[in-house]
Every structure is written in structure tokens, then in C-alpha cells.
Amino acid sequence: MVTTTGPGGRDGGELDGFHVGWVPAEAGDLVSDFASEWEDVTFATRVWERPVEAGYQVDLRVHVLRGEQLTTLVRLHEFLAGYHERDSAEWPLAEFARGGDVGLAGGGEAFWLVRPGLAVDVLVDVERFEAEAAIEVAGTVTELPAGR
């Protein structure tokens, strides 16, 4: 069942201890979850895809990252730069408020450190959505109570 959480959106469901409260209505209806690991950090990933002429196009991704090396927002930034094969010094990011926390966003990506060892990363297809959509989705991602 799809729940509308605001104009032009729907509920994104639960992913690895988090609730994705809002997904743009235009995000694809094919939703898949994946688990992976890179550089001793585990990823729980949900993607929203849509069919296109050449196959499928990913519109939105949400990653929950867990790893001991994710100790600060700076370390998270460095880790994601390596993961995306970007130069961290050349990656244009700006701070954004996430409740009482601060995250970094730019180019259709928004990420923050929930606490040491735990982070969330949201990416949107900037050819389909404005880059700020990543911040909008990120603002609705909340940690579920322990033991749920």
C-alpha cells in the first residue's frame, strides 16, 4: 500500500532501522533492496527504478551505512568520495540542517552521520529531479526505535 506523506509523494518504507518518510511521486515504482560491503562498511540500499527504452533507470537511492571508520562527518565525506571515486577536495558540498544535526549535500546527494559508525546517504537522479530533492528526502528519513 502506498501512503501519501505530502503533495506529490509517497511513503518510502523501512530500511535497516530507518523509515523513509517521503519519496517523490515521480520516482519509479520498482523498489528493490540490496546489501553490500565496501572498505569494511556495510550498505543496506533501497532503489526506486522505472522502465526506460534501454532497460531501467534508477531515480532514487537511499543507503544506510555501518562501519567503524565512520566516526565524523569529515570521515564520512572522505569515505563517500572514495566510494564514488571523487576527489573530496573538489566535491562541491554545502551544509544542510537535519534536525539537530548537520549533513552535507550537493549534486543530488545528501548525507549525514547519525552517530559514530552509522550514516545515511540519499542520492537522486539530477536529470529527473532537482538536486535539492535529495535534501527533501533526507529530511524525512528517521531512525526507528530500537527493538522494532
Protein backbone atom coordinates (compact mmCIF):
# COMPACT_ATOMS: atom_id res chain seq x y z
CA MET A 1 0.00 0.00 0.00
CA VAL A 2 1.32 3.45 -0.92
CA THR A 3 0.79 6.16 1.67
CA THR A 4 0.82 9.81 0.63
CA THR A 5 3.01 11.79 3.02
CA GLY A 6 2.71 15.14 1.29
CA PRO A 7 1.88 16.75 -2.02
CA GLY A 8 3.30 14.67 -4.83
CA GLY A 9 4.90 11.98 -2.74
CA ARG A 10 4.54 8.64 -1.04
CA ASP A 11 5.95 6.72 1.89
CA GLY A 12 9.34 5.06 1.25
CA GLY A 13 9.03 2.32 3.86
CA GLU A 14 11.54 0.90 6.32
CA LEU A 15 15.20 0.19 5.58
CA ASP A 16 17.70 -1.24 8.09
CA GLY A 17 16.32 0.52 11.16
CA PHE A 18 15.18 3.70 9.39
CA HIS A 19 11.93 4.95 7.93
CA VAL A 20 11.99 6.84 4.63
CA GLY A 21 9.03 9.13 5.17
CA TRP A 22 8.71 10.68 1.72
CA VAL A 23 9.65 9.75 -1.83
CA PRO A 24 8.74 11.92 -4.84
CA ALA A 25 5.70 10.58 -6.68
CA GLU A 26 7.73 10.61 -9.91
CA ALA A 27 10.27 8.12 -8.52
CA GLY A 28 9.93 4.75 -10.20
CA ASP A 29 7.55 2.15 -8.84
CA LEU A 30 10.06 -0.72 -8.99
CA VAL A 31 11.57 -0.80 -5.49
CA SER A 32 14.46 -3.13 -4.63
CA ASP A 33 16.67 -3.63 -1.59
CA PHE A 34 20.32 -4.68 -1.69
CA ALA A 35 23.06 -5.43 0.82
CA SER A 36 26.72 -4.83 0.01
CA GLU A 37 30.06 -4.01 1.59
CA TRP A 38 32.95 -1.77 0.56
CA GLU A 39 36.11 -0.99 2.55
CA ASP A 40 34.70 -2.62 5.73
CA VAL A 41 31.50 -0.55 5.60
CA THR A 42 28.19 -2.34 5.07
CA PHE A 43 25.46 -0.82 2.93
CA ALA A 44 21.75 -1.50 3.14
CA THR A 45 20.38 0.08 -0.03
CA ARG A 46 16.92 0.73 -1.42
CA VAL A 47 16.50 1.90 -5.02
CA TRP A 48 13.48 3.24 -6.86
CA GLU A 49 13.62 2.49 -10.60
CA ARG A 50 11.44 2.97 -13.67
CA PRO A 51 11.42 1.23 -17.02
CA VAL A 52 13.04 3.11 -19.91
CA GLU A 53 13.65 2.09 -23.50
CA ALA A 54 17.10 0.65 -22.72
CA GLY A 55 16.04 -1.19 -19.53
CA TYR A 56 15.65 0.52 -16.17
CA GLN A 57 16.73 3.87 -14.74
CA VAL A 58 17.45 4.44 -11.04
CA ASP A 59 15.64 7.57 -9.86
CA LEU A 60 16.46 7.47 -6.14
CA ARG A 61 18.79 5.57 -3.79
CA VAL A 62 18.93 5.51 -0.01
CA HIS A 63 21.92 3.88 1.69
CA VAL A 64 22.26 3.08 5.38
CA LEU A 65 25.99 2.74 6.07
CA ARG A 66 27.52 0.97 9.07
CA GLY A 67 31.23 0.84 9.82
CA GLU A 68 33.77 1.67 12.50
CA GLN A 69 35.62 4.14 10.27
CA LEU A 70 32.54 6.41 10.01
CA THR A 71 33.46 8.44 13.08
CA THR A 72 32.85 12.05 11.95
CA LEU A 73 31.14 13.89 9.12
CA VAL A 74 34.59 14.63 7.66
CA ARG A 75 35.48 10.91 7.68
CA LEU A 76 32.10 10.07 6.13
CA HIS A 77 32.75 12.65 3.39
CA GLU A 78 36.19 11.14 2.71
CA PHE A 79 34.75 7.61 2.65
CA LEU A 80 31.98 8.55 0.20
CA ALA A 81 34.44 10.44 -2.01
CA GLY A 82 36.47 7.25 -2.29
CA TYR A 83 33.37 5.14 -2.86
CA HIS A 84 32.19 7.45 -5.66
CA GLU A 85 35.76 7.82 -6.99
CA ARG A 86 35.73 11.61 -6.48
CA ASP A 87 38.36 13.99 -5.21
CA SER A 88 36.99 15.04 -1.80
CA ALA A 89 38.63 18.47 -2.12
CA GLU A 90 36.92 19.05 -5.49
CA TRP A 91 33.48 17.76 -4.46
CA PRO A 92 31.23 20.85 -4.07
CA LEU A 93 29.13 20.31 -0.95
CA ALA A 94 27.21 22.61 1.38
CA GLU A 95 25.95 22.01 4.89
CA PHE A 96 22.26 21.37 5.47
CA ALA A 97 20.33 21.08 8.73
CA ARG A 98 18.93 17.70 9.73
CA GLY A 99 17.04 18.28 12.92
CA GLY A 100 19.80 18.93 15.44
CA ASP A 101 22.46 17.52 13.13
CA VAL A 102 24.33 18.88 10.13
CA GLY A 103 24.76 17.00 6.89
CA LEU A 104 26.46 17.69 3.59
CA ALA A 105 24.72 17.96 0.22
CA GLY A 106 25.49 18.72 -3.39
CA GLY A 107 24.87 17.44 -6.88
CA GLY A 108 21.79 15.41 -5.98
CA GLU A 109 23.32 13.75 -2.91
CA ALA A 110 22.70 14.39 0.79
CA PHE A 111 24.40 12.52 3.63
CA TRP A 112 24.86 12.77 7.37
CA LEU A 113 26.35 10.94 10.31
CA VAL A 114 23.59 9.64 12.58
CA ARG A 115 26.21 8.77 15.21
CA PRO A 116 29.72 7.30 15.02
CA GLY A 117 29.54 4.12 12.98
CA LEU A 118 26.16 4.88 11.38
CA ALA A 119 25.31 7.17 8.46
CA VAL A 120 22.66 7.71 5.79
CA ASP A 121 23.23 8.75 2.16
CA VAL A 122 20.43 9.82 -0.23
CA LEU A 123 21.01 10.21 -3.99
CA VAL A 124 18.60 11.37 -6.68
CA ASP A 125 18.93 11.32 -10.45
CA VAL A 126 19.57 15.01 -11.22
CA GLU A 127 18.35 14.53 -14.78
CA ARG A 128 14.92 13.65 -13.39
CA PHE A 129 14.78 15.71 -10.16
CA GLU A 130 16.21 18.96 -8.90
CA ALA A 131 19.32 18.32 -6.80
CA GLU A 132 17.51 19.66 -3.69
CA ALA A 133 15.17 16.65 -3.82
CA ALA A 134 17.92 14.66 -2.07
CA ILE A 135 17.71 17.07 0.90
CA GLU A 136 13.91 16.85 0.88
CA VAL A 137 14.00 13.06 1.05
CA ALA A 138 16.81 13.14 3.63
CA GLY A 139 14.70 15.38 5.87
CA THR A 140 12.11 12.62 6.17
CA VAL A 141 14.49 9.76 6.99
CA THR A 142 14.17 8.90 10.69
CA GLU A 143 15.71 6.23 12.84
CA LEU A 144 13.23 3.70 14.18
CA PRO A 145 13.14 2.91 17.90
CA ALA A 146 15.49 0.09 18.92
CA GLY A 147 13.89 -3.36 19.06
CA ARG A 148 11.34 -2.74 16.34
